[in-house]
Amino acid sequence: MNSKTTLFGIDSLLDLVKAAVVAALYIVMTMVLAPFSYGPIQFRLSEGLNNLAPFNKRYVVAITLGCFISNMTSPNGPIDMLIGTFETFIALLTINLVTKHISSVPAKLVLSVLIGTFFMFIIAFELAFIGSGAFWPTFWASYASLAISEFGSMALGAIVIYFINLSIDLTK
């Protein structure tokens, strides 16, 4: 059975293992680079894995789970587990749905980077809400910083995933 036909894209042990490996990779990348992975100025290199979402919806679930577990150690606490994970899920689901009928891998990856960068406004909202400064200046400063870092990590991830996809069919 094609894993693209089920709700979460996971219908076999192999699909589950692939999702678990991606979730674990996200967690390890975030934890190893923890000083750079949280806050208004961050470079979460693991966000490059978001570029897997156009290939198979199992990666939406895997990366969302990896994000949730990674955010358990966030200095922002439970709000980051809730809002940060929500942002990841919404962004990945949007990426998966928007790129579903696009056959060009470079086009899928460009859209993935742009959509992922756009949705960082949710994290900026979270940081402005919990911050001690004025809301709108904090929001816009955070959004600018987060969008730049998200664009960088996702662009780098897109390049890596493009070359991985040349050797491994990520849709399967």
C-alpha atoms as a PDB file:
ATOM      1  CA  MET A   1       0.000   0.000   0.000  1.00  0.00           C
ATOM      2  CA  ASN A   2       1.281   3.440  -0.902  1.00  0.00           C
ATOM      3  CA  SER A   3       2.027   5.453   2.241  1.00  0.00           C
ATOM      4  CA  LYS A   4       0.586   8.539   0.550  1.00  0.00           C
ATOM      5  CA  THR A   5      -2.912   7.077   0.850  1.00  0.00           C
ATOM      6  CA  THR A   6      -3.200   7.022   4.636  1.00  0.00           C
ATOM      7  CA  LEU A   7      -4.017   9.988   6.831  1.00  0.00           C
ATOM      8  CA  PHE A   8      -0.523  10.353   8.308  1.00  0.00           C
ATOM      9  CA  GLY A   9       1.456   8.646   5.547  1.00  0.00           C
ATOM     10  CA  ILE A  10       2.454   5.825   7.906  1.00  0.00           C
ATOM     11  CA  ASP A  11       0.978   2.426   7.158  1.00  0.00           C
ATOM     12  CA  SER A  12       3.881   0.034   7.549  1.00  0.00           C
ATOM     13  CA  LEU A  13       6.711  -0.647   9.949  1.00  0.00           C
ATOM     14  CA  LEU A  14       9.160   0.758   7.396  1.00  0.00           C
ATOM     15  CA  ASP A  15       7.177   4.027   7.211  1.00  0.00           C
ATOM     16  CA  LEU A  16       7.164   4.213  11.010  1.00  0.00           C
ATOM     17  CA  VAL A  17      10.924   3.653  11.160  1.00  0.00           C
ATOM     18  CA  LYS A  18      11.551   6.351   8.527  1.00  0.00           C
ATOM     19  CA  ALA A  19       9.388   8.804  10.488  1.00  0.00           C
ATOM     20  CA  ALA A  20      11.129   7.904  13.757  1.00  0.00           C
ATOM     21  CA  VAL A  21      14.576   8.423  12.218  1.00  0.00           C
ATOM     22  CA  VAL A  22      13.593  11.870  10.900  1.00  0.00           C
ATOM     23  CA  ALA A  23      12.056  12.852  14.276  1.00  0.00           C
ATOM     24  CA  ALA A  24      15.208  11.676  16.081  1.00  0.00           C
ATOM     25  CA  LEU A  25      17.419  13.535  13.615  1.00  0.00           C
ATOM     26  CA  TYR A  26      15.438  16.742  14.224  1.00  0.00           C
ATOM     27  CA  ILE A  27      15.795  16.323  18.002  1.00  0.00           C
ATOM     28  CA  VAL A  28      19.528  15.582  17.869  1.00  0.00           C
ATOM     29  CA  MET A  29      20.256  18.490  15.537  1.00  0.00           C
ATOM     30  CA  THR A  30      18.283  20.849  17.768  1.00  0.00           C
ATOM     31  CA  MET A  31      19.870  19.623  21.010  1.00  0.00           C
ATOM     32  CA  VAL A  32      23.446  19.587  19.725  1.00  0.00           C
ATOM     33  CA  LEU A  33      23.015  23.194  18.620  1.00  0.00           C
ATOM     34  CA  ALA A  34      20.808  24.157  21.597  1.00  0.00           C
ATOM     35  CA  PRO A  35      22.473  27.536  22.282  1.00  0.00           C
ATOM     36  CA  PHE A  36      21.439  28.618  18.766  1.00  0.00           C
ATOM     37  CA  SER A  37      18.089  26.777  18.610  1.00  0.00           C
ATOM     38  CA  TYR A  38      15.893  28.925  20.859  1.00  0.00           C
ATOM     39  CA  GLY A  39      14.953  32.560  21.382  1.00  0.00           C
ATOM     40  CA  PRO A  40      14.318  35.603  19.210  1.00  0.00           C
ATOM     41  CA  ILE A  41      17.707  35.245  17.554  1.00  0.00           C
ATOM     42  CA  GLN A  42      18.086  31.616  16.587  1.00  0.00           C
ATOM     43  CA  PHE A  43      19.491  29.412  13.898  1.00  0.00           C
ATOM     44  CA  ARG A  44      17.724  26.070  14.244  1.00  0.00           C
ATOM     45  CA  LEU A  45      19.574  24.051  11.632  1.00  0.00           C
ATOM     46  CA  SER A  46      17.108  21.182  12.118  1.00  0.00           C
ATOM     47  CA  GLU A  47      14.487  23.342  10.371  1.00  0.00           C
ATOM     48  CA  GLY A  48      16.186  22.357   7.127  1.00  0.00           C
ATOM     49  CA  LEU A  49      14.401  19.024   7.531  1.00  0.00           C
ATOM     50  CA  ASN A  50      11.111  20.849   6.899  1.00  0.00           C
ATOM     51  CA  ASN A  51      11.999  20.483   3.237  1.00  0.00           C
ATOM     52  CA  LEU A  52      11.045  16.805   3.496  1.00  0.00           C
ATOM     53  CA  ALA A  53       7.341  17.730   3.809  1.00  0.00           C
ATOM     54  CA  PRO A  54       6.754  18.062   0.037  1.00  0.00           C
ATOM     55  CA  PHE A  55       7.915  14.493  -0.529  1.00  0.00           C
ATOM     56  CA  ASN A  56       5.688  12.528   1.856  1.00  0.00           C
ATOM     57  CA  LYS A  57       3.190  13.473   4.568  1.00  0.00           C
ATOM     58  CA  ARG A  58       4.829  11.082   7.042  1.00  0.00           C
ATOM     59  CA  TYR A  59       7.501  13.774   7.404  1.00  0.00           C
ATOM     60  CA  VAL A  60       4.859  16.257   8.565  1.00  0.00           C
ATOM     61  CA  VAL A  61       4.144  13.978  11.517  1.00  0.00           C
ATOM     62  CA  ALA A  62       7.810  13.111  12.115  1.00  0.00           C
ATOM     63  CA  ILE A  63       9.111  16.679  12.156  1.00  0.00           C
ATOM     64  CA  THR A  64       6.176  17.911  14.240  1.00  0.00           C
ATOM     65  CA  LEU A  65       6.935  15.220  16.825  1.00  0.00           C
ATOM     66  CA  GLY A  66      10.634  16.081  16.730  1.00  0.00           C
ATOM     67  CA  CYS A  67       9.803  19.752  17.247  1.00  0.00           C
ATOM     68  CA  PHE A  68       7.489  18.982  20.178  1.00  0.00           C
ATOM     69  CA  ILE A  69      10.134  16.881  21.942  1.00  0.00           C
ATOM     70  CA  SER A  70      12.854  19.464  21.214  1.00  0.00           C
ATOM     71  CA  ASN A  71      10.681  22.255  22.608  1.00  0.00           C
ATOM     72  CA  MET A  72      10.405  20.405  25.921  1.00  0.00           C
ATOM     73  CA  THR A  73      13.818  21.875  26.727  1.00  0.00           C
ATOM     74  CA  SER A  74      12.982  25.353  25.446  1.00  0.00           C
ATOM     75  CA  PRO A  75      13.680  28.205  27.861  1.00  0.00           C
ATOM     76  CA  ASN A  76      10.166  29.446  27.032  1.00  0.00           C
ATOM     77  CA  GLY A  77       8.632  26.340  28.584  1.00  0.00           C
ATOM     78  CA  PRO A  78       5.227  24.848  27.819  1.00  0.00           C
ATOM     79  CA  ILE A  79       4.088  27.760  25.658  1.00  0.00           C
ATOM     80  CA  ASP A  80       6.854  26.905  23.186  1.00  0.00           C
ATOM     81  CA  MET A  81       5.801  23.258  23.228  1.00  0.00           C
ATOM     82  CA  LEU A  82       2.287  24.341  22.293  1.00  0.00           C
ATOM     83  CA  ILE A  83       2.792  27.339  19.975  1.00  0.00           C
ATOM     84  CA  GLY A  84       6.112  26.244  18.458  1.00  0.00           C
ATOM     85  CA  THR A  85       4.783  22.800  17.645  1.00  0.00           C
ATOM     86  CA  PHE A  86       1.547  24.283  16.277  1.00  0.00           C
ATOM     87  CA  GLU A  87       3.541  26.574  13.976  1.00  0.00           C
ATOM     88  CA  THR A  88       5.614  23.648  12.731  1.00  0.00           C
ATOM     89  CA  PHE A  89       2.550  21.515  12.069  1.00  0.00           C
ATOM     90  CA  ILE A  90       0.665  24.282  10.233  1.00  0.00           C
ATOM     91  CA  ALA A  91       3.704  25.227   8.141  1.00  0.00           C
ATOM     92  CA  LEU A  92       4.497  21.607   7.215  1.00  0.00           C
ATOM     93  CA  LEU A  93       0.890  20.785   6.416  1.00  0.00           C
ATOM     94  CA  THR A  94       0.687  23.871   4.192  1.00  0.00           C
ATOM     95  CA  ILE A  95       3.947  22.942   2.470  1.00  0.00           C
ATOM     96  CA  ASN A  96       2.697  19.404   1.864  1.00  0.00           C
ATOM     97  CA  LEU A  97      -0.664  20.543   0.489  1.00  0.00           C
ATOM     98  CA  VAL A  98       0.682  23.365  -1.692  1.00  0.00           C
ATOM     99  CA  THR A  99       3.423  21.240  -3.264  1.00  0.00           C
ATOM    100  CA  LYS A 100       1.355  18.067  -3.667  1.00  0.00           C
ATOM    101  CA  HIS A 101       0.694  18.487  -7.388  1.00  0.00           C
ATOM    102  CA  ILE A 102       3.991  20.110  -8.366  1.00  0.00           C
ATOM    103  CA  SER A 103       6.353  17.730 -10.122  1.00  0.00           C
ATOM    104  CA  SER A 104       9.493  19.906 -10.177  1.00  0.00           C
ATOM    105  CA  VAL A 105      11.654  19.162  -7.143  1.00  0.00           C
ATOM    106  CA  PRO A 106      13.410  22.570  -7.235  1.00  0.00           C
ATOM    107  CA  ALA A 107       9.996  24.312  -7.348  1.00  0.00           C
ATOM    108  CA  LYS A 108       8.785  22.231  -4.396  1.00  0.00           C
ATOM    109  CA  LEU A 109      11.866  23.152  -2.386  1.00  0.00           C
ATOM    110  CA  VAL A 110      11.651  26.865  -3.225  1.00  0.00           C
ATOM    111  CA  LEU A 111       8.005  26.917  -2.128  1.00  0.00           C
ATOM    112  CA  SER A 112       8.906  24.981   0.992  1.00  0.00           C
ATOM    113  CA  VAL A 113      11.545  27.545   1.973  1.00  0.00           C
ATOM    114  CA  LEU A 114       9.217  30.486   1.310  1.00  0.00           C
ATOM    115  CA  ILE A 115       6.242  28.986   3.163  1.00  0.00           C
ATOM    116  CA  GLY A 116       8.398  27.950   6.131  1.00  0.00           C
ATOM    117  CA  THR A 117       9.876  31.441   6.314  1.00  0.00           C
ATOM    118  CA  PHE A 118       6.458  33.095   6.135  1.00  0.00           C
ATOM    119  CA  PHE A 119       4.982  31.086   9.015  1.00  0.00           C
ATOM    120  CA  MET A 120       7.635  32.294  11.444  1.00  0.00           C
ATOM    121  CA  PHE A 121       5.225  35.124  12.261  1.00  0.00           C
ATOM    122  CA  ILE A 122       3.567  32.670  14.667  1.00  0.00           C
ATOM    123  CA  ILE A 123       6.791  32.250  16.652  1.00  0.00           C
ATOM    124  CA  ALA A 124       7.359  36.009  16.546  1.00  0.00           C
ATOM    125  CA  PHE A 125       3.867  36.461  17.981  1.00  0.00           C
ATOM    126  CA  GLU A 126       4.682  33.978  20.760  1.00  0.00           C
ATOM    127  CA  LEU A 127       7.926  35.758  21.628  1.00  0.00           C
ATOM    128  CA  ALA A 128       6.255  39.190  21.590  1.00  0.00           C
ATOM    129  CA  PHE A 129       3.441  37.870  23.797  1.00  0.00           C
ATOM    130  CA  ILE A 130       5.756  36.425  26.458  1.00  0.00           C
ATOM    131  CA  GLY A 131       8.336  39.207  26.149  1.00  0.00           C
ATOM    132  CA  SER A 132       8.633  42.142  28.504  1.00  0.00           C
ATOM    133  CA  GLY A 133       8.917  44.818  25.810  1.00  0.00           C
ATOM    134  CA  ALA A 134       6.308  46.609  23.745  1.00  0.00           C
ATOM    135  CA  PHE A 135       4.361  44.062  21.703  1.00  0.00           C
ATOM    136  CA  TRP A 136       4.605  45.363  18.116  1.00  0.00           C
ATOM    137  CA  PRO A 137       8.276  46.411  18.127  1.00  0.00           C
ATOM    138  CA  THR A 138       9.154  43.051  19.698  1.00  0.00           C
ATOM    139  CA  PHE A 139       6.980  41.214  17.173  1.00  0.00           C
ATOM    140  CA  TRP A 140       8.514  42.892  14.116  1.00  0.00           C
ATOM    141  CA  ALA A 141      12.087  42.611  15.381  1.00  0.00           C
ATOM    142  CA  SER A 142      11.548  38.935  16.223  1.00  0.00           C
ATOM    143  CA  TYR A 143       9.831  38.248  12.908  1.00  0.00           C
ATOM    144  CA  ALA A 144      12.670  39.825  10.937  1.00  0.00           C
ATOM    145  CA  SER A 145      15.284  37.862  12.857  1.00  0.00           C
ATOM    146  CA  LEU A 146      13.358  34.586  12.766  1.00  0.00           C
ATOM    147  CA  ALA A 147      12.511  34.908   9.065  1.00  0.00           C
ATOM    148  CA  ILE A 148      16.151  35.491   8.166  1.00  0.00           C
ATOM    149  CA  SER A 149      17.344  32.533  10.230  1.00  0.00           C
ATOM    150  CA  GLU A 150      14.526  30.271   9.001  1.00  0.00           C
ATOM    151  CA  PHE A 151      15.240  31.217   5.408  1.00  0.00           C
ATOM    152  CA  GLY A 152      18.929  30.431   5.906  1.00  0.00           C
ATOM    153  CA  SER A 153      18.460  27.067   7.590  1.00  0.00           C
ATOM    154  CA  MET A 154      15.708  26.000   5.191  1.00  0.00           C
ATOM    155  CA  ALA A 155      17.668  27.146   2.107  1.00  0.00           C
ATOM    156  CA  LEU A 156      20.672  25.159   3.305  1.00  0.00           C
ATOM    157  CA  GLY A 157      18.408  22.190   4.056  1.00  0.00           C
ATOM    158  CA  ALA A 158      16.789  22.466   0.610  1.00  0.00           C
ATOM    159  CA  ILE A 159      20.174  22.163  -1.075  1.00  0.00           C
ATOM    160  CA  VAL A 160      21.096  19.110   1.003  1.00  0.00           C
ATOM    161  CA  ILE A 161      17.702  17.459   0.490  1.00  0.00           C
ATOM    162  CA  TYR A 162      17.811  18.151  -3.242  1.00  0.00           C
ATOM    163  CA  PHE A 163      21.033  16.169  -3.540  1.00  0.00           C
ATOM    164  CA  ILE A 164      19.807  13.414  -1.225  1.00  0.00           C
ATOM    165  CA  ASN A 165      16.679  13.099  -3.390  1.00  0.00           C
ATOM    166  CA  LEU A 166      18.887  12.483  -6.436  1.00  0.00           C
ATOM    167  CA  SER A 167      20.095   9.250  -4.793  1.00  0.00           C
ATOM    168  CA  ILE A 168      17.110   8.279  -2.631  1.00  0.00           C
ATOM    169  CA  ASP A 169      13.465   8.584  -3.653  1.00  0.00           C
ATOM    170  CA  LEU A 170      12.096  10.514  -0.676  1.00  0.00           C
ATOM    171  CA  THR A 171       8.500  10.015  -1.819  1.00  0.00           C
ATOM    172  CA  LYS A 172       8.665   6.327  -0.918  1.00  0.00           C
END
